[in-house]
Structure formats: structure tokens, C-alpha cells
Amino acid sequence: MNIESSSIRYFREVYRLKSIRHASEVLNVAPSAISRQIVQLERSSELLLD
């Protein structure tokens, strides 16, 4: 799985759960890793995802 698809998956889960912490628990990934991936997705797409 490439970084961008991980970023999208993480963003989708954060959006669904409305919480980075809850998404990290569901995805079994550190909250900081999710935050970094979302920032990277924002930069690569030149969009602010909030």
C-alpha cells in the first residue's frame, strides 16, 4: 500500500469517527502517524482537509 492510499484511508476513518484518537485505535496506528499522513495528504493535494 502506498503512502497516499494510507493517508486517504486514515483521513476517511478520522472523518467517520470525528476523532484522530478513535481512528488510531481502530486502525491500530499511533495518533501522531495519522496526523503526519493527513498533513502529507494536504500538501500533496494542495487542499486543507478539516
N, C-alpha and C. Protein backbone atom coordinates (compact mmCIF):
# COMPACT_ATOMS: atom_id res chain seq x y z
N MET A 1 0.86 -1.17 0.00
CA MET A 1 0.00 0.00 0.00
C MET A 1 0.90 1.24 0.00
N ASN A 2 0.63 2.17 -0.90
CA ASN A 2 1.48 3.36 -0.94
C ASN A 2 1.04 4.38 0.10
N ILE A 3 1.89 5.38 0.28
CA ILE A 3 1.64 6.38 1.33
C ILE A 3 0.35 7.12 1.09
N GLU A 4 0.06 7.49 -0.14
CA GLU A 4 -1.15 8.26 -0.41
C GLU A 4 -2.42 7.46 -0.08
N SER A 5 -2.44 6.18 -0.42
CA SER A 5 -3.64 5.40 -0.10
C SER A 5 -3.79 5.24 1.41
N SER A 6 -2.68 5.13 2.14
CA SER A 6 -2.75 5.09 3.60
C SER A 6 -3.30 6.40 4.14
N SER A 7 -2.83 7.50 3.58
CA SER A 7 -3.29 8.81 4.02
C SER A 7 -4.79 8.97 3.82
N ILE A 8 -5.27 8.53 2.68
CA ILE A 8 -6.70 8.64 2.39
C ILE A 8 -7.49 7.74 3.33
N ARG A 9 -6.99 6.55 3.57
CA ARG A 9 -7.68 5.62 4.48
C ARG A 9 -7.74 6.21 5.89
N TYR A 10 -6.63 6.79 6.34
CA TYR A 10 -6.60 7.41 7.66
C TYR A 10 -7.56 8.58 7.73
N PHE A 11 -7.54 9.44 6.71
CA PHE A 11 -8.43 10.60 6.69
C PHE A 11 -9.89 10.15 6.72
N ARG A 12 -10.21 9.14 5.92
CA ARG A 12 -11.59 8.64 5.87
C ARG A 12 -12.04 8.15 7.24
N GLU A 13 -11.16 7.46 7.96
CA GLU A 13 -11.52 6.93 9.28
C GLU A 13 -11.65 8.06 10.30
N VAL A 14 -10.77 9.06 10.24
CA VAL A 14 -10.88 10.22 11.14
C VAL A 14 -12.19 10.95 10.87
N TYR A 15 -12.52 11.12 9.60
CA TYR A 15 -13.78 11.79 9.23
C TYR A 15 -14.98 11.00 9.76
N ARG A 16 -14.94 9.70 9.59
CA ARG A 16 -16.07 8.85 10.01
C ARG A 16 -16.25 8.88 11.52
N LEU A 17 -15.14 8.83 12.26
CA LEU A 17 -15.21 8.76 13.72
C LEU A 17 -15.13 10.13 14.40
N LYS A 18 -14.79 11.16 13.63
CA LYS A 18 -14.66 12.53 14.15
C LYS A 18 -13.61 12.64 15.25
N SER A 19 -12.58 11.77 15.17
CA SER A 19 -11.55 11.76 16.21
C SER A 19 -10.30 11.04 15.72
N ILE A 20 -9.17 11.73 15.81
CA ILE A 20 -7.90 11.08 15.46
C ILE A 20 -7.60 9.96 16.46
N ARG A 21 -7.87 10.21 17.72
CA ARG A 21 -7.59 9.19 18.74
C ARG A 21 -8.40 7.92 18.50
N HIS A 22 -9.69 8.07 18.23
CA HIS A 22 -10.52 6.89 17.98
C HIS A 22 -10.09 6.18 16.69
N ALA A 23 -9.77 6.96 15.67
CA ALA A 23 -9.30 6.35 14.42
C ALA A 23 -8.01 5.59 14.65
N SER A 24 -7.13 6.13 15.48
CA SER A 24 -5.86 5.44 15.74
C SER A 24 -6.10 4.11 16.44
N GLU A 25 -7.09 4.06 17.30
CA GLU A 25 -7.42 2.81 17.99
C GLU A 25 -7.98 1.78 17.00
N VAL A 26 -8.87 2.23 16.12
CA VAL A 26 -9.48 1.33 15.14
C VAL A 26 -8.43 0.83 14.15
N LEU A 27 -7.55 1.74 13.71
CA LEU A 27 -6.54 1.39 12.70
C LEU A 27 -5.29 0.77 13.30
N ASN A 28 -5.19 0.81 14.64
CA ASN A 28 -4.01 0.29 15.33
C ASN A 28 -2.73 1.02 14.87
N VAL A 29 -2.84 2.36 14.83
CA VAL A 29 -1.75 3.22 14.40
C VAL A 29 -1.66 4.37 15.41
N ALA A 30 -0.46 4.86 15.65
CA ALA A 30 -0.29 5.98 16.58
C ALA A 30 -0.99 7.24 16.06
N PRO A 31 -1.63 8.00 16.95
CA PRO A 31 -2.29 9.23 16.51
C PRO A 31 -1.34 10.17 15.77
N SER A 32 -0.09 10.25 16.21
CA SER A 32 0.87 11.13 15.54
C SER A 32 1.13 10.69 14.10
N ALA A 33 1.11 9.39 13.84
CA ALA A 33 1.29 8.89 12.48
C ALA A 33 0.12 9.29 11.59
N ILE A 34 -1.08 9.24 12.15
CA ILE A 34 -2.26 9.65 11.40
C ILE A 34 -2.18 11.14 11.08
N SER A 35 -1.81 11.94 12.05
CA SER A 35 -1.68 13.39 11.83
C SER A 35 -0.67 13.68 10.74
N ARG A 36 0.48 13.01 10.78
CA ARG A 36 1.52 13.22 9.76
C ARG A 36 1.02 12.84 8.37
N GLN A 37 0.31 11.74 8.28
CA GLN A 37 -0.19 11.29 6.98
C GLN A 37 -1.22 12.27 6.43
N ILE A 38 -2.06 12.82 7.30
CA ILE A 38 -3.06 13.78 6.84
C ILE A 38 -2.38 15.07 6.37
N VAL A 39 -1.37 15.53 7.09
CA VAL A 39 -0.61 16.71 6.66
C VAL A 39 0.03 16.45 5.30
N GLN A 40 0.60 15.27 5.13
CA GLN A 40 1.22 14.93 3.85
C GLN A 40 0.19 14.90 2.73
N LEU A 41 -0.99 14.38 3.01
CA LEU A 41 -2.07 14.36 2.03
C LEU A 41 -2.49 15.78 1.67
N GLU A 42 -2.60 16.65 2.66
CA GLU A 42 -2.95 18.05 2.40
C GLU A 42 -1.91 18.71 1.51
N ARG A 43 -0.66 18.47 1.79
CA ARG A 43 0.42 19.08 0.99
C ARG A 43 0.41 18.56 -0.44
N SER A 44 0.26 17.27 -0.60
CA SER A 44 0.30 16.70 -1.95
C SER A 44 -0.91 17.09 -2.78
N SER A 45 -2.05 17.30 -2.13
CA SER A 45 -3.26 17.67 -2.86
C SER A 45 -3.48 19.17 -2.90
N GLU A 46 -2.65 19.92 -2.13
CA GLU A 46 -2.78 21.37 -2.02
C GLU A 46 -4.17 21.79 -1.54
N LEU A 47 -4.73 20.99 -0.64
CA LEU A 47 -6.04 21.26 -0.04
C LEU A 47 -5.91 21.24 1.47
N LEU A 48 -6.77 21.99 2.14
CA LEU A 48 -6.86 21.93 3.59
C LEU A 48 -8.02 21.01 3.94
N LEU A 49 -7.72 19.91 4.59
CA LEU A 49 -8.74 18.91 4.93
C LEU A 49 -9.13 19.09 6.39
N ASP A 50 -10.29 19.66 6.61
CA ASP A 50 -10.74 19.81 8.00
C ASP A 50 -12.20 19.50 8.14
